[in-house]
């Protein structure tokens, strides 16, 4: 959606408009898709926000459930090492 100049009316439309404004100021850019499995924390934040029907602004810190997931993932990595 960021690659097209159409007016997006979805829930993420405001973010897409922000990206378009940034692109006006930038000469070189590229978009890269990251699979959900590559970033469990970002996926969990998005899933929880949709489930709770709330907007989350990650200014200063992340929600407590995200901190818990991070700790669990770090423990799992330590066990595998």
N, C-alpha and C. Protein backbone atom coordinates (compact mmCIF):
# COMPACT_ATOMS: atom_id res chain seq x y z
N UNK A 1 0.82 -1.20 0.00
CA UNK A 1 0.00 0.00 0.00
C UNK A 1 0.85 1.25 0.00
N UNK A 2 2.04 1.17 0.57
CA UNK A 2 2.91 2.33 0.60
C UNK A 2 3.48 2.65 -0.77
N UNK A 3 3.45 1.68 -1.67
CA UNK A 3 4.01 1.88 -3.00
C UNK A 3 3.04 2.60 -3.94
N UNK A 4 1.78 2.64 -3.60
CA UNK A 4 0.79 3.29 -4.46
C UNK A 4 0.42 4.65 -3.89
N UNK A 5 -0.10 5.51 -4.72
CA UNK A 5 -0.47 6.86 -4.29
C UNK A 5 -1.98 7.00 -4.08
N UNK A 6 -2.69 5.90 -4.05
CA UNK A 6 -4.13 5.98 -3.84
C UNK A 6 -4.43 6.33 -2.39
N UNK A 7 -5.56 6.94 -2.16
CA UNK A 7 -5.98 7.31 -0.81
C UNK A 7 -6.51 6.08 -0.09
N UNK A 8 -5.81 5.62 0.90
CA UNK A 8 -6.19 4.40 1.62
C UNK A 8 -7.16 4.74 2.74
N UNK A 9 -8.30 4.06 2.77
CA UNK A 9 -9.33 4.34 3.77
C UNK A 9 -9.39 3.28 4.86
N UNK A 10 -8.39 2.41 4.91
CA UNK A 10 -8.38 1.36 5.93
C UNK A 10 -7.92 1.94 7.26
N UNK A 11 -7.87 1.10 8.29
CA UNK A 11 -7.45 1.53 9.62
C UNK A 11 -6.01 2.02 9.63
N UNK A 12 -5.19 1.54 8.71
CA UNK A 12 -3.79 1.94 8.67
C UNK A 12 -3.56 3.09 7.69
N UNK A 13 -4.62 3.66 7.18
CA UNK A 13 -4.51 4.73 6.20
C UNK A 13 -3.68 5.92 6.68
N UNK A 14 -3.82 6.29 7.94
CA UNK A 14 -3.05 7.42 8.48
C UNK A 14 -1.55 7.11 8.44
N UNK A 15 -1.19 5.89 8.74
CA UNK A 15 0.22 5.50 8.70
C UNK A 15 0.75 5.54 7.27
N UNK A 16 -0.07 5.11 6.35
CA UNK A 16 0.34 5.10 4.95
C UNK A 16 0.53 6.54 4.47
N UNK A 17 -0.37 7.45 4.87
CA UNK A 17 -0.21 8.86 4.51
C UNK A 17 1.09 9.42 5.10
N UNK A 18 1.41 9.03 6.35
CA UNK A 18 2.67 9.47 6.96
C UNK A 18 3.87 8.98 6.15
N UNK A 19 3.82 7.73 5.71
CA UNK A 19 4.91 7.19 4.89
C UNK A 19 5.02 7.98 3.60
N UNK A 20 3.90 8.29 2.97
CA UNK A 20 3.92 9.06 1.73
C UNK A 20 4.57 10.43 1.95
N UNK A 21 4.27 11.07 3.07
CA UNK A 21 4.88 12.37 3.37
C UNK A 21 6.39 12.23 3.56
N UNK A 22 6.83 11.18 4.22
CA UNK A 22 8.27 10.95 4.39
C UNK A 22 8.95 10.70 3.06
N UNK A 23 8.27 10.00 2.17
CA UNK A 23 8.85 9.68 0.87
C UNK A 23 9.08 10.93 0.02
N UNK A 24 8.27 11.94 0.22
CA UNK A 24 8.44 13.19 -0.52
C UNK A 24 9.80 13.81 -0.18
N UNK A 25 10.22 13.65 1.08
CA UNK A 25 11.47 14.25 1.55
C UNK A 25 12.69 13.37 1.30
N UNK A 26 12.48 12.12 0.93
CA UNK A 26 13.56 11.16 0.80
C UNK A 26 13.78 10.81 -0.67
N UNK A 27 15.02 10.78 -1.09
CA UNK A 27 15.31 10.44 -2.49
C UNK A 27 15.49 8.94 -2.69
N UNK A 28 16.09 8.28 -1.71
CA UNK A 28 16.34 6.84 -1.84
C UNK A 28 15.61 6.10 -0.74
N UNK A 29 14.86 5.10 -1.12
CA UNK A 29 14.14 4.30 -0.14
C UNK A 29 13.82 2.94 -0.75
N UNK A 30 13.53 1.98 0.11
CA UNK A 30 13.05 0.69 -0.35
C UNK A 30 12.14 0.11 0.72
N UNK A 31 11.24 -0.74 0.30
CA UNK A 31 10.32 -1.42 1.20
C UNK A 31 10.72 -2.88 1.27
N UNK A 32 10.67 -3.42 2.45
CA UNK A 32 11.03 -4.82 2.64
C UNK A 32 9.98 -5.49 3.52
N UNK A 33 9.49 -6.61 3.06
CA UNK A 33 8.52 -7.39 3.84
C UNK A 33 9.27 -8.25 4.85
N UNK A 34 8.82 -8.21 6.09
CA UNK A 34 9.40 -9.06 7.13
C UNK A 34 8.32 -10.05 7.55
N UNK A 35 8.58 -11.33 7.45
CA UNK A 35 7.57 -12.32 7.84
C UNK A 35 7.22 -12.19 9.33
N UNK A 36 6.01 -12.50 9.66
CA UNK A 36 5.52 -12.42 11.03
C UNK A 36 6.41 -13.20 11.99
N UNK A 37 6.90 -14.36 11.55
CA UNK A 37 7.71 -15.20 12.42
C UNK A 37 9.04 -14.53 12.79
N UNK A 38 9.47 -13.57 12.00
CA UNK A 38 10.75 -12.92 12.26
C UNK A 38 10.67 -11.93 13.41
N UNK A 39 9.47 -11.51 13.77
CA UNK A 39 9.34 -10.54 14.84
C UNK A 39 8.10 -10.86 15.67
N UNK A 40 8.23 -11.80 16.57
CA UNK A 40 7.10 -12.23 17.40
C UNK A 40 6.55 -11.10 18.24
N UNK A 41 7.43 -10.23 18.73
CA UNK A 41 6.99 -9.14 19.60
C UNK A 41 6.07 -8.18 18.85
N UNK A 42 6.46 -7.76 17.66
CA UNK A 42 5.62 -6.85 16.88
C UNK A 42 4.29 -7.51 16.54
N UNK A 43 4.33 -8.79 16.21
CA UNK A 43 3.10 -9.51 15.90
C UNK A 43 2.18 -9.57 17.12
N UNK A 44 2.76 -9.85 18.29
CA UNK A 44 1.95 -9.93 19.49
C UNK A 44 1.32 -8.57 19.82
N UNK A 45 2.07 -7.50 19.67
CA UNK A 45 1.52 -6.16 19.94
C UNK A 45 0.34 -5.87 19.02
N UNK A 46 0.49 -6.19 17.76
CA UNK A 46 -0.59 -5.96 16.81
C UNK A 46 -1.81 -6.83 17.14
N UNK A 47 -1.57 -8.10 17.43
CA UNK A 47 -2.66 -9.02 17.74
C UNK A 47 -3.42 -8.58 18.99
N UNK A 48 -2.69 -8.21 20.05
CA UNK A 48 -3.33 -7.77 21.29
C UNK A 48 -4.12 -6.48 21.09
N UNK A 49 -3.57 -5.55 20.32
CA UNK A 49 -4.28 -4.30 20.07
C UNK A 49 -5.59 -4.56 19.33
N UNK A 50 -5.56 -5.46 18.36
CA UNK A 50 -6.79 -5.79 17.64
C UNK A 50 -7.79 -6.50 18.54
N UNK A 51 -7.29 -7.41 19.37
CA UNK A 51 -8.17 -8.16 20.26
C UNK A 51 -8.84 -7.24 21.28
N UNK A 52 -8.07 -6.31 21.83
CA UNK A 52 -8.59 -5.40 22.85
C UNK A 52 -9.26 -4.17 22.25
N UNK A 53 -9.18 -4.05 20.92
CA UNK A 53 -9.75 -2.91 20.20
C UNK A 53 -9.23 -1.60 20.78
N UNK A 54 -7.91 -1.54 20.95
CA UNK A 54 -7.29 -0.33 21.48
C UNK A 54 -6.11 0.07 20.61
N UNK A 55 -5.78 1.34 20.70
CA UNK A 55 -4.61 1.84 20.00
C UNK A 55 -3.45 1.85 20.99
N UNK A 56 -2.29 1.44 20.54
CA UNK A 56 -1.12 1.41 21.40
C UNK A 56 -0.07 2.34 20.80
N UNK A 57 0.40 3.24 21.62
CA UNK A 57 1.49 4.12 21.20
C UNK A 57 2.71 3.73 22.00
N UNK A 58 3.76 3.34 21.31
CA UNK A 58 4.96 2.83 21.96
C UNK A 58 5.96 3.96 22.20
N UNK A 59 5.55 4.90 23.01
CA UNK A 59 6.42 6.02 23.35
C UNK A 59 6.95 5.78 24.75
N UNK A 60 8.24 5.59 24.85
CA UNK A 60 8.86 5.41 26.16
C UNK A 60 8.98 3.97 26.60
N UNK A 61 7.97 3.15 26.33
CA UNK A 61 8.03 1.75 26.75
C UNK A 61 6.94 0.94 26.04
N UNK A 62 7.02 -0.36 26.18
CA UNK A 62 6.01 -1.25 25.61
C UNK A 62 5.10 -1.75 26.73
N UNK A 63 3.93 -2.28 26.41
CA UNK A 63 3.03 -2.81 27.44
C UNK A 63 3.66 -3.97 28.21
N UNK A 64 3.15 -4.23 29.40
CA UNK A 64 3.71 -5.27 30.27
C UNK A 64 3.70 -6.64 29.60
N UNK A 65 2.64 -6.98 28.87
CA UNK A 65 2.60 -8.30 28.25
C UNK A 65 3.71 -8.46 27.22
N UNK A 66 4.13 -7.36 26.60
CA UNK A 66 5.23 -7.43 25.64
C UNK A 66 6.56 -7.66 26.37
N UNK A 67 6.71 -7.04 27.52
CA UNK A 67 7.92 -7.26 28.33
C UNK A 67 8.01 -8.73 28.75
N UNK A 68 6.87 -9.31 29.14
CA UNK A 68 6.86 -10.72 29.55
C UNK A 68 7.25 -11.62 28.39
N UNK A 69 6.73 -11.35 27.19
CA UNK A 69 7.08 -12.16 26.03
C UNK A 69 8.58 -12.07 25.75
N UNK A 70 9.11 -10.87 25.83
CA UNK A 70 10.54 -10.69 25.59
C UNK A 70 11.36 -11.53 26.57
N UNK A 71 10.99 -11.51 27.85
CA UNK A 71 11.70 -12.30 28.85
C UNK A 71 11.59 -13.79 28.57
N UNK A 72 10.40 -14.25 28.18
CA UNK A 72 10.19 -15.66 27.86
C UNK A 72 11.04 -16.08 26.66
N UNK A 73 11.10 -15.23 25.64
CA UNK A 73 11.90 -15.55 24.46
C UNK A 73 13.38 -15.61 24.80
N UNK A 74 13.85 -14.70 25.66
CA UNK A 74 15.26 -14.71 26.06
C UNK A 74 15.60 -15.96 26.85
N UNK A 75 14.68 -16.39 27.72
CA UNK A 75 14.91 -17.63 28.49
C UNK A 75 14.98 -18.82 27.55
N UNK A 76 14.10 -18.85 26.56
CA UNK A 76 14.11 -19.94 25.59
C UNK A 76 15.39 -19.98 24.79
N UNK A 77 15.92 -18.82 24.43
CA UNK A 77 17.17 -18.76 23.68
C UNK A 77 18.33 -19.25 24.54
N UNK A 78 18.32 -18.91 25.82
CA UNK A 78 19.38 -19.34 26.72
C UNK A 78 19.38 -20.86 26.89
N UNK A 79 18.19 -21.45 26.96
CA UNK A 79 18.08 -22.91 27.10
C UNK A 79 18.60 -23.62 25.87
N UNK A 80 18.36 -23.03 24.68
CA UNK A 80 18.81 -23.65 23.44
C UNK A 80 20.31 -23.53 23.24
N UNK A 81 20.94 -22.56 23.90
CA UNK A 81 22.39 -22.35 23.72
C UNK A 81 23.23 -23.37 24.45
